[in-house]
Amino acid sequence: HKGMIARTQANAAALDRVVAARNWLDHLAQDPANRSKTSVCLTVDGADNDFIKRFTKLLEAEGAAYDIAGYRDAPPGLRIWCGATVDTSDIEALGPWLEWAWEQCK
């Protein structure tokens, strides 16, 4: 139980670092106290629903990320699973892929 919580916290911290390194990416919940540590919602600067569809389809086609489009009723953005079923190294590896998709779509 404690190990799973620690892994989830490490994953969320890794995603925080990915977000902090990119000025076009941010957390939907601005207050860290209100952010989920598991299903983390992000905003993409200037993105609309079409942009997010193109962005996520590119990542899926490359096998880099699956099902990361934000919730249908949420603002256009991304939703990254940081739960204990994910390796922290996979969250870290996602950063360059997000950058690549951003460059392709902007």
N, C-alpha and C. Protein backbone atom coordinates (compact mmCIF):
# COMPACT_ATOMS: atom_id res chain seq x y z
N HIS A 1 0.82 -1.19 0.00
CA HIS A 1 0.00 0.00 0.00
C HIS A 1 0.87 1.25 0.00
N LYS A 2 1.82 1.35 0.94
CA LYS A 2 2.68 2.52 1.00
C LYS A 2 3.57 2.61 -0.24
N GLY A 3 4.00 1.46 -0.75
CA GLY A 3 4.81 1.45 -1.95
C GLY A 3 4.05 1.96 -3.15
N MET A 4 2.78 1.63 -3.24
CA MET A 4 1.96 2.10 -4.36
C MET A 4 1.75 3.62 -4.27
N ILE A 5 1.53 4.10 -3.07
CA ILE A 5 1.37 5.55 -2.88
C ILE A 5 2.66 6.27 -3.26
N ALA A 6 3.80 5.73 -2.83
CA ALA A 6 5.09 6.35 -3.15
C ALA A 6 5.33 6.36 -4.65
N ARG A 7 4.98 5.28 -5.32
CA ARG A 7 5.16 5.21 -6.77
C ARG A 7 4.27 6.24 -7.48
N THR A 8 3.04 6.36 -7.05
CA THR A 8 2.13 7.35 -7.62
C THR A 8 2.66 8.77 -7.40
N GLN A 9 3.17 9.04 -6.21
CA GLN A 9 3.73 10.36 -5.93
C GLN A 9 4.97 10.63 -6.79
N ALA A 10 5.79 9.61 -7.00
CA ALA A 10 6.98 9.77 -7.84
C ALA A 10 6.57 10.03 -9.29
N ASN A 11 5.53 9.36 -9.74
CA ASN A 11 5.03 9.57 -11.10
C ASN A 11 4.50 10.99 -11.28
N ALA A 12 3.71 11.44 -10.33
CA ALA A 12 3.16 12.80 -10.40
C ALA A 12 4.28 13.83 -10.36
N ALA A 13 5.29 13.60 -9.55
CA ALA A 13 6.43 14.52 -9.48
C ALA A 13 7.19 14.53 -10.80
N ALA A 14 7.33 13.38 -11.43
CA ALA A 14 8.00 13.31 -12.73
C ALA A 14 7.21 14.09 -13.77
N LEU A 15 5.88 13.97 -13.74
CA LEU A 15 5.06 14.72 -14.68
C LEU A 15 5.15 16.22 -14.38
N ASP A 16 5.22 16.58 -13.12
CA ASP A 16 5.41 18.00 -12.76
C ASP A 16 6.68 18.55 -13.41
N ARG A 17 7.74 17.75 -13.43
CA ARG A 17 8.99 18.18 -14.05
C ARG A 17 8.84 18.32 -15.56
N VAL A 18 8.12 17.40 -16.17
CA VAL A 18 7.85 17.48 -17.62
C VAL A 18 7.11 18.78 -17.93
N VAL A 19 6.09 19.08 -17.13
CA VAL A 19 5.29 20.30 -17.34
C VAL A 19 6.15 21.54 -17.12
N ALA A 20 6.92 21.56 -16.05
CA ALA A 20 7.73 22.73 -15.73
C ALA A 20 8.76 23.06 -16.81
N ALA A 21 9.18 22.05 -17.56
CA ALA A 21 10.20 22.25 -18.60
C ALA A 21 9.62 22.76 -19.92
N ARG A 22 8.29 22.91 -19.99
CA ARG A 22 7.64 23.31 -21.24
C ARG A 22 6.68 24.46 -20.99
N ASN A 23 6.94 25.61 -21.62
CA ASN A 23 6.10 26.78 -21.36
C ASN A 23 4.74 26.69 -22.03
N TRP A 24 4.51 25.74 -22.88
CA TRP A 24 3.23 25.56 -23.57
C TRP A 24 2.33 24.54 -22.87
N LEU A 25 2.83 23.94 -21.81
CA LEU A 25 2.11 22.90 -21.09
C LEU A 25 1.92 23.36 -19.65
N ASP A 26 0.74 23.09 -19.08
CA ASP A 26 0.48 23.49 -17.70
C ASP A 26 -0.54 22.55 -17.08
N HIS A 27 -0.67 22.63 -15.79
CA HIS A 27 -1.69 21.87 -15.08
C HIS A 27 -3.03 22.58 -15.20
N LEU A 28 -4.09 21.82 -15.43
CA LEU A 28 -5.43 22.40 -15.45
C LEU A 28 -5.77 22.97 -14.07
N ALA A 29 -5.49 22.21 -13.03
CA ALA A 29 -5.69 22.68 -11.64
C ALA A 29 -4.45 23.46 -11.24
N GLN A 30 -4.57 24.77 -11.16
CA GLN A 30 -3.42 25.62 -10.85
C GLN A 30 -2.90 25.41 -9.43
N ASP A 31 -3.78 25.15 -8.49
CA ASP A 31 -3.38 24.94 -7.11
C ASP A 31 -2.94 23.49 -6.93
N PRO A 32 -1.67 23.25 -6.61
CA PRO A 32 -1.20 21.87 -6.44
C PRO A 32 -2.02 21.05 -5.44
N ALA A 33 -2.60 21.70 -4.47
CA ALA A 33 -3.41 20.99 -3.47
C ALA A 33 -4.68 20.39 -4.09
N ASN A 34 -5.10 20.93 -5.24
CA ASN A 34 -6.32 20.44 -5.89
C ASN A 34 -6.04 19.47 -7.03
N ARG A 35 -4.79 19.17 -7.32
CA ARG A 35 -4.44 18.28 -8.43
C ARG A 35 -4.53 16.82 -8.03
N SER A 36 -5.06 16.04 -8.95
CA SER A 36 -5.03 14.60 -8.77
C SER A 36 -3.59 14.12 -8.92
N LYS A 37 -3.21 13.13 -8.17
CA LYS A 37 -1.89 12.51 -8.32
C LYS A 37 -1.96 11.33 -9.28
N THR A 38 -3.16 10.91 -9.64
CA THR A 38 -3.29 9.75 -10.52
C THR A 38 -3.69 10.17 -11.93
N SER A 39 -4.85 10.73 -12.11
CA SER A 39 -5.33 11.16 -13.43
C SER A 39 -5.08 12.66 -13.56
N VAL A 40 -3.89 13.01 -14.03
CA VAL A 40 -3.44 14.40 -14.03
C VAL A 40 -3.88 15.09 -15.33
N CYS A 41 -4.63 16.17 -15.18
CA CYS A 41 -5.14 16.91 -16.33
C CYS A 41 -4.24 18.10 -16.63
N LEU A 42 -3.89 18.24 -17.92
CA LEU A 42 -3.00 19.29 -18.37
C LEU A 42 -3.65 20.13 -19.45
N THR A 43 -3.20 21.37 -19.55
CA THR A 43 -3.64 22.23 -20.64
C THR A 43 -2.48 22.40 -21.61
N VAL A 44 -2.83 22.62 -22.87
CA VAL A 44 -1.85 22.85 -23.92
C VAL A 44 -2.14 24.24 -24.48
N ASP A 45 -1.17 25.11 -24.42
CA ASP A 45 -1.35 26.50 -24.81
C ASP A 45 -1.97 26.63 -26.20
N GLY A 46 -3.12 27.31 -26.26
CA GLY A 46 -3.78 27.59 -27.53
C GLY A 46 -4.49 26.42 -28.17
N ALA A 47 -4.56 25.28 -27.50
CA ALA A 47 -5.13 24.08 -28.11
C ALA A 47 -6.66 24.11 -28.09
N ASP A 48 -7.25 23.67 -29.20
CA ASP A 48 -8.68 23.40 -29.24
C ASP A 48 -8.85 21.88 -29.39
N ASN A 49 -10.08 21.42 -29.49
CA ASN A 49 -10.32 19.99 -29.56
C ASN A 49 -9.66 19.34 -30.78
N ASP A 50 -9.66 20.03 -31.93
CA ASP A 50 -9.02 19.48 -33.13
C ASP A 50 -7.52 19.32 -32.93
N PHE A 51 -6.91 20.31 -32.30
CA PHE A 51 -5.47 20.22 -32.02
C PHE A 51 -5.18 19.01 -31.15
N ILE A 52 -5.94 18.85 -30.09
CA ILE A 52 -5.72 17.73 -29.17
C ILE A 52 -5.92 16.40 -29.89
N LYS A 53 -6.89 16.30 -30.77
CA LYS A 53 -7.08 15.06 -31.54
C LYS A 53 -5.87 14.75 -32.40
N ARG A 54 -5.36 15.77 -33.10
CA ARG A 54 -4.17 15.56 -33.93
C ARG A 54 -2.97 15.17 -33.07
N PHE A 55 -2.80 15.89 -31.97
CA PHE A 55 -1.69 15.68 -31.05
C PHE A 55 -1.69 14.25 -30.51
N THR A 56 -2.83 13.81 -30.01
CA THR A 56 -2.90 12.48 -29.40
C THR A 56 -2.82 11.37 -30.44
N LYS A 57 -3.36 11.60 -31.64
CA LYS A 57 -3.27 10.58 -32.71
C LYS A 57 -1.82 10.37 -33.13
N LEU A 58 -1.03 11.44 -33.18
CA LEU A 58 0.39 11.30 -33.49
C LEU A 58 1.09 10.41 -32.47
N LEU A 59 0.83 10.67 -31.20
CA LEU A 59 1.45 9.88 -30.13
C LEU A 59 1.01 8.43 -30.17
N GLU A 60 -0.27 8.19 -30.46
CA GLU A 60 -0.76 6.82 -30.56
C GLU A 60 -0.11 6.10 -31.74
N ALA A 61 0.01 6.78 -32.88
CA ALA A 61 0.60 6.17 -34.08
C ALA A 61 2.06 5.76 -33.84
N GLU A 62 2.74 6.48 -32.97
CA GLU A 62 4.13 6.17 -32.65
C GLU A 62 4.26 5.18 -31.49
N GLY A 63 3.13 4.82 -30.88
CA GLY A 63 3.16 3.91 -29.73
C GLY A 63 3.71 4.58 -28.48
N ALA A 64 3.68 5.91 -28.45
CA ALA A 64 4.26 6.65 -27.33
C ALA A 64 3.28 6.89 -26.19
N ALA A 65 1.99 7.01 -26.50
CA ALA A 65 0.98 7.28 -25.47
C ALA A 65 -0.39 6.93 -26.04
N TYR A 66 -1.24 6.40 -25.20
CA TYR A 66 -2.59 6.01 -25.61
C TYR A 66 -3.62 6.64 -24.68
N ASP A 67 -4.74 7.05 -25.26
CA ASP A 67 -5.88 7.54 -24.49
C ASP A 67 -5.50 8.65 -23.52
N ILE A 68 -4.81 9.68 -24.03
CA ILE A 68 -4.40 10.76 -23.15
C ILE A 68 -5.15 12.07 -23.42
N ALA A 69 -6.12 12.03 -24.32
CA ALA A 69 -6.93 13.24 -24.52
C ALA A 69 -7.72 13.50 -23.25
N GLY A 70 -7.90 14.77 -22.93
CA GLY A 70 -8.66 15.14 -21.74
C GLY A 70 -10.10 14.64 -21.80
N TYR A 71 -10.75 14.72 -20.70
CA TYR A 71 -12.16 14.33 -20.62
C TYR A 71 -12.99 15.19 -21.56
N ARG A 72 -14.00 14.60 -22.13
CA ARG A 72 -14.85 15.27 -23.11
C ARG A 72 -15.45 16.57 -22.58
N ASP A 73 -15.83 16.61 -21.32
CA ASP A 73 -16.46 17.80 -20.75
C ASP A 73 -15.45 18.78 -20.15
N ALA A 74 -14.19 18.45 -20.21
CA ALA A 74 -13.14 19.34 -19.67
C ALA A 74 -12.64 20.25 -20.79
N PRO A 75 -11.93 21.31 -20.44
CA PRO A 75 -11.31 22.14 -21.49
C PRO A 75 -10.36 21.27 -22.32
N PRO A 76 -10.11 21.64 -23.58
CA PRO A 76 -9.19 20.84 -24.40
C PRO A 76 -7.84 20.70 -23.71
N GLY A 77 -7.37 19.47 -23.63
CA GLY A 77 -6.10 19.24 -22.96
C GLY A 77 -5.76 17.76 -22.94
N LEU A 78 -4.87 17.42 -22.05
CA LEU A 78 -4.38 16.05 -21.91
C LEU A 78 -4.69 15.52 -20.52
N ARG A 79 -4.75 14.21 -20.43
CA ARG A 79 -4.98 13.53 -19.15
C ARG A 79 -3.98 12.39 -19.10
N ILE A 80 -3.05 12.48 -18.16
CA ILE A 80 -1.97 11.51 -18.05
C ILE A 80 -2.16 10.67 -16.79
N TRP A 81 -2.16 9.36 -16.95
CA TRP A 81 -2.31 8.47 -15.81
C TRP A 81 -0.96 8.34 -15.11
N CYS A 82 -0.94 8.67 -13.83
CA CYS A 82 0.28 8.61 -13.02
C CYS A 82 0.14 7.61 -11.87
N GLY A 83 -0.86 6.75 -11.95
CA GLY A 83 -1.08 5.77 -10.89
C GLY A 83 0.07 4.77 -10.79
N ALA A 84 -0.02 3.91 -9.79
CA ALA A 84 1.05 2.97 -9.46
C ALA A 84 1.28 1.91 -10.53
N THR A 85 0.38 1.80 -11.50
CA THR A 85 0.55 0.81 -12.57
C THR A 85 1.51 1.30 -13.66
N VAL A 86 2.02 2.52 -13.52
CA VAL A 86 2.91 3.12 -14.51
C VAL A 86 4.31 3.25 -13.90
N ASP A 87 5.33 2.99 -14.71
CA ASP A 87 6.71 3.19 -14.26
C ASP A 87 7.07 4.66 -14.38
N THR A 88 7.77 5.17 -13.39
CA THR A 88 8.19 6.57 -13.41
C THR A 88 9.04 6.86 -14.65
N SER A 89 9.84 5.91 -15.07
CA SER A 89 10.67 6.11 -16.26
C SER A 89 9.81 6.32 -17.50
N ASP A 90 8.62 5.74 -17.53
CA ASP A 90 7.71 5.95 -18.67
C ASP A 90 7.15 7.38 -18.66
N ILE A 91 6.87 7.91 -17.48
CA ILE A 91 6.41 9.30 -17.39
C ILE A 91 7.53 10.22 -17.85
N GLU A 92 8.75 9.95 -17.41
CA GLU A 92 9.90 10.76 -17.82
C GLU A 92 10.11 10.68 -19.33
N ALA A 93 9.95 9.51 -19.90
CA ALA A 93 10.14 9.32 -21.34
C ALA A 93 9.04 10.01 -22.15
N LEU A 94 7.91 10.27 -21.54
CA LEU A 94 6.81 10.93 -22.24
C LEU A 94 7.15 12.37 -22.61
N GLY A 95 7.96 13.04 -21.80
CA GLY A 95 8.29 14.44 -22.05
C GLY A 95 8.77 14.72 -23.46
N PRO A 96 9.81 14.04 -23.94
CA PRO A 96 10.28 14.28 -25.30
C PRO A 96 9.22 13.96 -26.36
N TRP A 97 8.39 12.98 -26.12
CA TRP A 97 7.32 12.66 -27.06
C TRP A 97 6.29 13.78 -27.12
N LEU A 98 5.96 14.33 -25.97
CA LEU A 98 5.02 15.47 -25.96
C LEU A 98 5.63 16.63 -26.74
N GLU A 99 6.91 16.87 -26.53
CA GLU A 99 7.60 17.94 -27.25
C GLU A 99 7.54 17.70 -28.76
N TRP A 100 7.80 16.48 -29.17
CA TRP A 100 7.76 16.11 -30.58
C TRP A 100 6.38 16.37 -31.17
N ALA A 101 5.33 15.90 -30.48
CA ALA A 101 3.96 16.10 -30.98
C ALA A 101 3.62 17.58 -31.05
N TRP A 102 4.05 18.36 -30.06
CA TRP A 102 3.82 19.80 -30.05
C TRP A 102 4.44 20.44 -31.30
N GLU A 103 5.68 20.07 -31.57
CA GLU A 103 6.37 20.64 -32.74
C GLU A 103 5.66 20.26 -34.05
N GLN A 104 5.10 19.07 -34.11
CA GLN A 104 4.40 18.62 -35.30
C GLN A 104 3.07 19.35 -35.51
N CYS A 105 2.42 19.71 -34.42
CA CYS A 105 1.06 20.23 -34.49
C CYS A 105 0.94 21.76 -34.43
N LYS A 106 1.91 22.43 -33.87
CA LYS A 106 1.75 23.88 -33.66
C LYS A 106 1.75 24.67 -34.95
